[in-house]
Amino acid sequence: TQKHPVMDKNELVQKTKLAEQAERYDSMAACMKSVSEQGAELSNEEKNLLSVAYKNVVGMVISSIEQKTEDAEEKQQMAREYREKIEMELRDIYNDVLSLLEKFLIPSASQAESKVFYLKMKGDYYHYLAEVATGDDKKGIVDQSQQAYQEAFEISEKEMQPTHPIRLGRILNSPDKACSLAKMAFDEAIAEPDTLSEESYKDRDKAEAGEMGKLTSLQF
């Protein structure tokens, strides 16, 4: 990702939004990396901008793998070499995100919602990293992913209402526990509807609908 001169946080966020509109996701990620490295806690909007930026950077790289592999069917060696180069690029992106999370974002998170958001993101990016890892490294990376998801779940269980959309959604990324945890979270949400703020109501409904769809697919 590109380097940016030192800028005011608000300036960087505005540049991030402009980069998103222009679909310049490398620039978007670079801006949000600079914001994160300032060490201040991110707002919900800023967390979402960070997440969207890196998801799109990864998406573009993965699309390029698919396209080049398809174009190079008759040149298998070239396709293999290109794929290895792209996988190295993906590892760099994943490690970049994990470094931001571990050095800046998780330590600065004071609210349970932020901690769970970042730990889930950490679990996701270790999971992605495992997909391009080889040999003995892979198991350790998978373990780190599962540990981050478990920590996120434990914090959400202790410190967040069962109706909170982040708590409901977090368990989707832990397939081995998703069925039992999904049912538990859904049952708790049903049991405590009065604790839900009006502001979160629509998000809760969407999360629960998705949760039960996932639960059904796991059961059948």
C-alpha atoms as a PDB file:
ATOM      1  CA  THR A   1       0.000   0.000   0.000  1.00  0.00           C
ATOM      2  CA  GLN A   2       1.014   3.612  -0.601  1.00  0.00           C
ATOM      3  CA  LYS A   3       2.623   5.871   2.024  1.00  0.00           C
ATOM      4  CA  HIS A   4       0.924   9.111   2.972  1.00  0.00           C
ATOM      5  CA  PRO A   5       2.485  12.240   4.486  1.00  0.00           C
ATOM      6  CA  VAL A   6       1.438  12.976   8.058  1.00  0.00           C
ATOM      7  CA  MET A   7      -2.097  14.379   7.960  1.00  0.00           C
ATOM      8  CA  ASP A   8      -4.857  15.284  10.344  1.00  0.00           C
ATOM      9  CA  LYS A   9      -7.127  12.321  11.104  1.00  0.00           C
ATOM     10  CA  ASN A  10     -10.225  14.070   9.690  1.00  0.00           C
ATOM     11  CA  GLU A  11      -8.340  14.855   6.492  1.00  0.00           C
ATOM     12  CA  LEU A  12      -7.320  11.230   6.114  1.00  0.00           C
ATOM     13  CA  VAL A  13     -10.887  10.030   6.678  1.00  0.00           C
ATOM     14  CA  GLN A  14     -12.155  12.430   4.004  1.00  0.00           C
ATOM     15  CA  LYS A  15      -9.482  11.181   1.597  1.00  0.00           C
ATOM     16  CA  THR A  16     -10.553   7.623   2.441  1.00  0.00           C
ATOM     17  CA  LYS A  17     -14.148   8.388   1.479  1.00  0.00           C
ATOM     18  CA  LEU A  18     -13.064  10.020  -1.792  1.00  0.00           C
ATOM     19  CA  ALA A  19     -10.873   7.006  -2.578  1.00  0.00           C
ATOM     20  CA  GLU A  20     -13.829   4.700  -1.916  1.00  0.00           C
ATOM     21  CA  GLN A  21     -16.057   6.682  -4.282  1.00  0.00           C
ATOM     22  CA  ALA A  22     -13.352   6.471  -6.955  1.00  0.00           C
ATOM     23  CA  GLU A  23     -12.898   2.735  -6.221  1.00  0.00           C
ATOM     24  CA  ARG A  24      -9.206   3.329  -5.482  1.00  0.00           C
ATOM     25  CA  TYR A  25      -9.033   0.765  -2.729  1.00  0.00           C
ATOM     26  CA  ASP A  26      -5.222   0.744  -2.377  1.00  0.00           C
ATOM     27  CA  SER A  27      -5.357   4.454  -1.560  1.00  0.00           C
ATOM     28  CA  MET A  28      -8.328   3.872   0.725  1.00  0.00           C
ATOM     29  CA  ALA A  29      -6.410   1.200   2.660  1.00  0.00           C
ATOM     30  CA  ALA A  30      -3.287   3.373   2.842  1.00  0.00           C
ATOM     31  CA  CYS A  31      -5.288   6.247   4.336  1.00  0.00           C
ATOM     32  CA  MET A  32      -6.958   4.028   6.926  1.00  0.00           C
ATOM     33  CA  LYS A  33      -3.606   2.449   7.780  1.00  0.00           C
ATOM     34  CA  SER A  34      -2.303   5.957   8.538  1.00  0.00           C
ATOM     35  CA  VAL A  35      -5.392   6.684  10.643  1.00  0.00           C
ATOM     36  CA  SER A  36      -4.908   3.453  12.597  1.00  0.00           C
ATOM     37  CA  GLU A  37      -1.215   4.111  13.193  1.00  0.00           C
ATOM     38  CA  GLN A  38      -2.061   7.382  14.947  1.00  0.00           C
ATOM     39  CA  GLY A  39      -3.147   5.166  17.849  1.00  0.00           C
ATOM     40  CA  ALA A  40      -6.480   6.840  18.616  1.00  0.00           C
ATOM     41  CA  GLU A  41      -9.606   4.731  18.988  1.00  0.00           C
ATOM     42  CA  LEU A  42     -11.573   4.522  15.738  1.00  0.00           C
ATOM     43  CA  SER A  43     -15.237   5.477  15.440  1.00  0.00           C
ATOM     44  CA  ASN A  44     -17.737   2.964  14.050  1.00  0.00           C
ATOM     45  CA  GLU A  45     -17.591   4.712  10.680  1.00  0.00           C
ATOM     46  CA  GLU A  46     -13.787   4.555  10.650  1.00  0.00           C
ATOM     47  CA  LYS A  47     -13.771   0.867  11.616  1.00  0.00           C
ATOM     48  CA  ASN A  48     -16.114   0.129   8.724  1.00  0.00           C
ATOM     49  CA  LEU A  49     -13.985   2.149   6.300  1.00  0.00           C
ATOM     50  CA  LEU A  50     -10.911   0.166   7.379  1.00  0.00           C
ATOM     51  CA  SER A  51     -12.729  -3.141   6.937  1.00  0.00           C
ATOM     52  CA  VAL A  52     -14.183  -2.212   3.541  1.00  0.00           C
ATOM     53  CA  ALA A  53     -10.828  -0.905   2.262  1.00  0.00           C
ATOM     54  CA  TYR A  54      -8.875  -4.070   2.955  1.00  0.00           C
ATOM     55  CA  LYS A  55     -11.688  -6.403   1.855  1.00  0.00           C
ATOM     56  CA  ASN A  56     -11.707  -4.676  -1.519  1.00  0.00           C
ATOM     57  CA  VAL A  57      -7.908  -4.703  -1.825  1.00  0.00           C
ATOM     58  CA  VAL A  58      -7.971  -8.456  -1.197  1.00  0.00           C
ATOM     59  CA  GLY A  59     -10.916  -8.903  -3.577  1.00  0.00           C
ATOM     60  CA  MET A  60      -9.055  -7.182  -6.411  1.00  0.00           C
ATOM     61  CA  VAL A  61      -5.980  -9.365  -5.921  1.00  0.00           C
ATOM     62  CA  ILE A  62      -8.046 -12.561  -5.831  1.00  0.00           C
ATOM     63  CA  SER A  63      -9.902 -11.491  -8.997  1.00  0.00           C
ATOM     64  CA  SER A  64      -6.584 -11.020 -10.741  1.00  0.00           C
ATOM     65  CA  ILE A  65      -5.572 -14.586  -9.825  1.00  0.00           C
ATOM     66  CA  GLU A  66      -8.782 -15.977 -11.309  1.00  0.00           C
ATOM     67  CA  GLN A  67      -8.444 -13.940 -14.489  1.00  0.00           C
ATOM     68  CA  LYS A  68      -4.772 -14.667 -15.116  1.00  0.00           C
ATOM     69  CA  THR A  69      -5.149 -18.368 -14.327  1.00  0.00           C
ATOM     70  CA  GLU A  70      -8.022 -18.619 -16.816  1.00  0.00           C
ATOM     71  CA  ASP A  71      -6.054 -16.766 -19.494  1.00  0.00           C
ATOM     72  CA  ALA A  72      -3.004 -18.970 -19.000  1.00  0.00           C
ATOM     73  CA  GLU A  73      -4.549 -22.437 -19.214  1.00  0.00           C
ATOM     74  CA  GLU A  74      -2.076 -23.529 -21.874  1.00  0.00           C
ATOM     75  CA  LYS A  75       0.863 -22.070 -20.005  1.00  0.00           C
ATOM     76  CA  GLN A  76       0.645 -23.887 -16.711  1.00  0.00           C
ATOM     77  CA  GLN A  77       4.106 -22.964 -15.478  1.00  0.00           C
ATOM     78  CA  MET A  78       3.478 -19.265 -16.074  1.00  0.00           C
ATOM     79  CA  ALA A  79       0.099 -19.526 -14.344  1.00  0.00           C
ATOM     80  CA  ARG A  80       1.666 -21.291 -11.354  1.00  0.00           C
ATOM     81  CA  GLU A  81       4.415 -18.679 -11.019  1.00  0.00           C
ATOM     82  CA  TYR A  82       1.907 -15.864 -11.289  1.00  0.00           C
ATOM     83  CA  ARG A  83      -0.289 -17.456  -8.654  1.00  0.00           C
ATOM     84  CA  GLU A  84       2.645 -17.825  -6.256  1.00  0.00           C
ATOM     85  CA  LYS A  85       3.499 -14.151  -6.725  1.00  0.00           C
ATOM     86  CA  ILE A  86      -0.096 -13.118  -6.000  1.00  0.00           C
ATOM     87  CA  GLU A  87      -0.293 -15.366  -2.943  1.00  0.00           C
ATOM     88  CA  MET A  88       2.833 -13.646  -1.620  1.00  0.00           C
ATOM     89  CA  GLU A  89       1.103 -10.305  -2.196  1.00  0.00           C
ATOM     90  CA  LEU A  90      -1.951 -11.587  -0.294  1.00  0.00           C
ATOM     91  CA  ARG A  91       0.253 -12.713   2.615  1.00  0.00           C
ATOM     92  CA  ASP A  92       1.734  -9.209   2.767  1.00  0.00           C
ATOM     93  CA  ILE A  93      -1.747  -7.639   2.879  1.00  0.00           C
ATOM     94  CA  TYR A  94      -2.983 -10.055   5.563  1.00  0.00           C
ATOM     95  CA  ASN A  95       0.115  -9.476   7.692  1.00  0.00           C
ATOM     96  CA  ASP A  96      -0.298  -5.718   7.248  1.00  0.00           C
ATOM     97  CA  VAL A  97      -3.843  -5.891   8.644  1.00  0.00           C
ATOM     98  CA  LEU A  98      -2.814  -8.216  11.485  1.00  0.00           C
ATOM     99  CA  SER A  99       0.033  -5.880  12.432  1.00  0.00           C
ATOM    100  CA  LEU A 100      -2.366  -2.904  12.600  1.00  0.00           C
ATOM    101  CA  LEU A 101      -4.764  -4.911  14.740  1.00  0.00           C
ATOM    102  CA  GLU A 102      -2.144  -6.170  17.176  1.00  0.00           C
ATOM    103  CA  LYS A 103      -0.043  -2.998  17.507  1.00  0.00           C
ATOM    104  CA  PHE A 104      -2.692  -0.274  17.381  1.00  0.00           C
ATOM    105  CA  LEU A 105      -6.347  -1.217  17.073  1.00  0.00           C
ATOM    106  CA  ILE A 106      -6.869  -3.915  19.713  1.00  0.00           C
ATOM    107  CA  PRO A 107      -4.740  -2.128  22.366  1.00  0.00           C
ATOM    108  CA  SER A 108      -6.661   1.146  21.819  1.00  0.00           C
ATOM    109  CA  ALA A 109     -10.138  -0.471  21.966  1.00  0.00           C
ATOM    110  CA  SER A 110     -11.914   0.534  25.178  1.00  0.00           C
ATOM    111  CA  GLN A 111     -15.436  -0.706  24.377  1.00  0.00           C
ATOM    112  CA  ALA A 112     -16.517  -4.343  24.176  1.00  0.00           C
ATOM    113  CA  GLU A 113     -18.050  -3.725  20.744  1.00  0.00           C
ATOM    114  CA  SER A 114     -14.704  -2.511  19.361  1.00  0.00           C
ATOM    115  CA  LYS A 115     -12.754  -5.342  20.977  1.00  0.00           C
ATOM    116  CA  VAL A 116     -15.084  -7.945  19.461  1.00  0.00           C
ATOM    117  CA  PHE A 117     -15.017  -6.216  16.051  1.00  0.00           C
ATOM    118  CA  TYR A 118     -11.207  -6.240  15.961  1.00  0.00           C
ATOM    119  CA  LEU A 119     -10.812  -9.748  17.373  1.00  0.00           C
ATOM    120  CA  LYS A 120     -13.276 -11.062  14.785  1.00  0.00           C
ATOM    121  CA  MET A 121     -11.286  -9.218  12.105  1.00  0.00           C
ATOM    122  CA  LYS A 122      -8.083 -10.759  13.518  1.00  0.00           C
ATOM    123  CA  GLY A 123      -9.667 -14.211  13.314  1.00  0.00           C
ATOM    124  CA  ASP A 124     -10.775 -13.539   9.739  1.00  0.00           C
ATOM    125  CA  TYR A 125      -7.340 -12.416   8.554  1.00  0.00           C
ATOM    126  CA  TYR A 126      -5.526 -15.307  10.236  1.00  0.00           C
ATOM    127  CA  HIS A 127      -8.079 -17.560   8.512  1.00  0.00           C
ATOM    128  CA  TYR A 128      -7.282 -15.919   5.146  1.00  0.00           C
ATOM    129  CA  LEU A 129      -3.557 -16.198   5.877  1.00  0.00           C
ATOM    130  CA  ALA A 130      -3.956 -19.921   6.589  1.00  0.00           C
ATOM    131  CA  GLU A 131      -5.426 -20.370   3.092  1.00  0.00           C
ATOM    132  CA  VAL A 132      -2.143 -19.231   1.513  1.00  0.00           C
ATOM    133  CA  ALA A 133       0.170 -20.765   4.142  1.00  0.00           C
ATOM    134  CA  THR A 134       2.215 -23.874   3.559  1.00  0.00           C
ATOM    135  CA  GLY A 135       3.763 -26.636   5.613  1.00  0.00           C
ATOM    136  CA  ASP A 136       4.112 -26.397   9.377  1.00  0.00           C
ATOM    137  CA  ASP A 137       3.077 -22.723   9.465  1.00  0.00           C
ATOM    138  CA  LYS A 138      -0.507 -23.526   8.594  1.00  0.00           C
ATOM    139  CA  LYS A 139      -1.553 -25.227  11.837  1.00  0.00           C
ATOM    140  CA  GLY A 140      -0.167 -22.423  14.013  1.00  0.00           C
ATOM    141  CA  ILE A 141      -1.994 -19.819  11.925  1.00  0.00           C
ATOM    142  CA  VAL A 142      -5.285 -21.760  12.126  1.00  0.00           C
ATOM    143  CA  ASP A 143      -4.834 -21.971  15.919  1.00  0.00           C
ATOM    144  CA  GLN A 144      -4.348 -18.194  16.127  1.00  0.00           C
ATOM    145  CA  SER A 145      -7.502 -17.654  14.077  1.00  0.00           C
ATOM    146  CA  GLN A 146      -9.562 -19.899  16.336  1.00  0.00           C
ATOM    147  CA  GLN A 147      -8.093 -18.265  19.449  1.00  0.00           C
ATOM    148  CA  ALA A 148      -9.103 -14.793  18.209  1.00  0.00           C
ATOM    149  CA  TYR A 149     -12.654 -15.961  17.426  1.00  0.00           C
ATOM    150  CA  GLN A 150     -12.925 -17.621  20.839  1.00  0.00           C
ATOM    151  CA  GLU A 151     -11.693 -14.495  22.627  1.00  0.00           C
ATOM    152  CA  ALA A 152     -14.184 -12.382  20.673  1.00  0.00           C
ATOM    153  CA  PHE A 153     -16.997 -14.743  21.643  1.00  0.00           C
ATOM    154  CA  GLU A 154     -16.043 -14.744  25.322  1.00  0.00           C
ATOM    155  CA  ILE A 155     -15.937 -10.930  25.472  1.00  0.00           C
ATOM    156  CA  SER A 156     -19.258 -10.642  23.625  1.00  0.00           C
ATOM    157  CA  GLU A 157     -20.849 -13.193  25.958  1.00  0.00           C
ATOM    158  CA  LYS A 158     -19.654 -11.410  29.110  1.00  0.00           C
ATOM    159  CA  GLU A 159     -19.943  -7.759  28.111  1.00  0.00           C
ATOM    160  CA  MET A 160     -22.576  -7.415  25.373  1.00  0.00           C
ATOM    161  CA  GLN A 161     -26.319  -7.978  25.276  1.00  0.00           C
ATOM    162  CA  PRO A 162     -27.321 -11.193  23.455  1.00  0.00           C
ATOM    163  CA  THR A 163     -29.394  -9.020  21.114  1.00  0.00           C
ATOM    164  CA  HIS A 164     -26.361  -7.053  19.888  1.00  0.00           C
ATOM    165  CA  PRO A 165     -25.884  -7.631  16.110  1.00  0.00           C
ATOM    166  CA  ILE A 166     -22.109  -8.027  16.459  1.00  0.00           C
ATOM    167  CA  ARG A 167     -22.570 -10.747  19.078  1.00  0.00           C
ATOM    168  CA  LEU A 168     -25.133 -12.530  16.913  1.00  0.00           C
ATOM    169  CA  GLY A 169     -22.968 -12.276  13.810  1.00  0.00           C
ATOM    170  CA  ARG A 170     -19.595 -13.205  15.321  1.00  0.00           C
ATOM    171  CA  ILE A 171     -20.316 -16.901  15.650  1.00  0.00           C
ATOM    172  CA  LEU A 172     -20.783 -17.377  11.909  1.00  0.00           C
ATOM    173  CA  ASN A 173     -16.995 -17.451  11.592  1.00  0.00           C
ATOM    174  CA  SER A 174     -16.546 -20.442  13.895  1.00  0.00           C
ATOM    175  CA  PRO A 175     -18.112 -23.340  11.938  1.00  0.00           C
ATOM    176  CA  ASP A 176     -17.247 -25.993  14.530  1.00  0.00           C
ATOM    177  CA  LYS A 177     -19.296 -24.157  17.163  1.00  0.00           C
ATOM    178  CA  ALA A 178     -21.712 -22.249  14.965  1.00  0.00           C
ATOM    179  CA  CYS A 179     -24.717 -24.540  15.323  1.00  0.00           C
ATOM    180  CA  SER A 180     -24.876 -24.639  19.137  1.00  0.00           C
ATOM    181  CA  LEU A 181     -23.733 -21.037  19.608  1.00  0.00           C
ATOM    182  CA  ALA A 182     -26.166 -19.745  16.993  1.00  0.00           C
ATOM    183  CA  LYS A 183     -29.091 -21.391  18.748  1.00  0.00           C
ATOM    184  CA  MET A 184     -27.939 -20.139  22.153  1.00  0.00           C
ATOM    185  CA  ALA A 185     -27.537 -16.555  20.934  1.00  0.00           C
ATOM    186  CA  PHE A 186     -30.876 -16.655  19.112  1.00  0.00           C
ATOM    187  CA  ASP A 187     -32.700 -18.075  22.131  1.00  0.00           C
ATOM    188  CA  GLU A 188     -31.187 -15.415  24.404  1.00  0.00           C
ATOM    189  CA  ALA A 189     -32.143 -12.685  21.949  1.00  0.00           C
ATOM    190  CA  ILE A 190     -35.734 -13.922  21.873  1.00  0.00           C
ATOM    191  CA  ALA A 191     -35.804 -14.078  25.678  1.00  0.00           C
ATOM    192  CA  GLU A 192     -34.635 -10.471  26.134  1.00  0.00           C
ATOM    193  CA  PRO A 193     -36.353  -8.344  23.432  1.00  0.00           C
ATOM    194  CA  ASP A 194     -36.996  -5.455  25.826  1.00  0.00           C
ATOM    195  CA  THR A 195     -33.273  -4.819  26.310  1.00  0.00           C
ATOM    196  CA  LEU A 196     -32.793  -3.911  22.655  1.00  0.00           C
ATOM    197  CA  SER A 197     -32.454  -0.224  21.801  1.00  0.00           C
ATOM    198  CA  GLU A 198     -34.634   1.105  18.971  1.00  0.00           C
ATOM    199  CA  GLU A 199     -31.455   2.135  17.140  1.00  0.00           C
ATOM    200  CA  SER A 200     -30.237  -1.487  16.949  1.00  0.00           C
ATOM    201  CA  TYR A 201     -33.604  -3.110  16.224  1.00  0.00           C
ATOM    202  CA  LYS A 202     -33.282  -3.407  12.444  1.00  0.00           C
ATOM    203  CA  ASP A 203     -29.680  -4.627  12.700  1.00  0.00           C
ATOM    204  CA  ARG A 204     -30.770  -7.249  15.224  1.00  0.00           C
ATOM    205  CA  ASP A 205     -33.536  -8.499  12.941  1.00  0.00           C
ATOM    206  CA  LYS A 206     -31.137  -8.824  10.010  1.00  0.00           C
ATOM    207  CA  ALA A 207     -28.552 -10.611  12.145  1.00  0.00           C
ATOM    208  CA  GLU A 208     -31.129 -13.019  13.538  1.00  0.00           C
ATOM    209  CA  ALA A 209     -32.523 -13.794  10.089  1.00  0.00           C
ATOM    210  CA  GLY A 210     -29.046 -14.537   8.793  1.00  0.00           C
ATOM    211  CA  GLU A 211     -28.220 -16.516  11.913  1.00  0.00           C
ATOM    212  CA  MET A 212     -31.237 -18.783  11.603  1.00  0.00           C
ATOM    213  CA  GLY A 213     -30.549 -19.279   7.895  1.00  0.00           C
ATOM    214  CA  LYS A 214     -27.013 -20.348   8.742  1.00  0.00           C
ATOM    215  CA  LEU A 215     -28.240 -22.545  11.571  1.00  0.00           C
ATOM    216  CA  THR A 216     -30.724 -24.274   9.247  1.00  0.00           C
ATOM    217  CA  SER A 217     -28.025 -24.936   6.652  1.00  0.00           C
ATOM    218  CA  LEU A 218     -25.737 -26.403   9.314  1.00  0.00           C
ATOM    219  CA  GLN A 219     -28.439 -28.664  10.676  1.00  0.00           C
ATOM    220  CA  PHE A 220     -29.563 -30.012   7.334  1.00  0.00           C
END
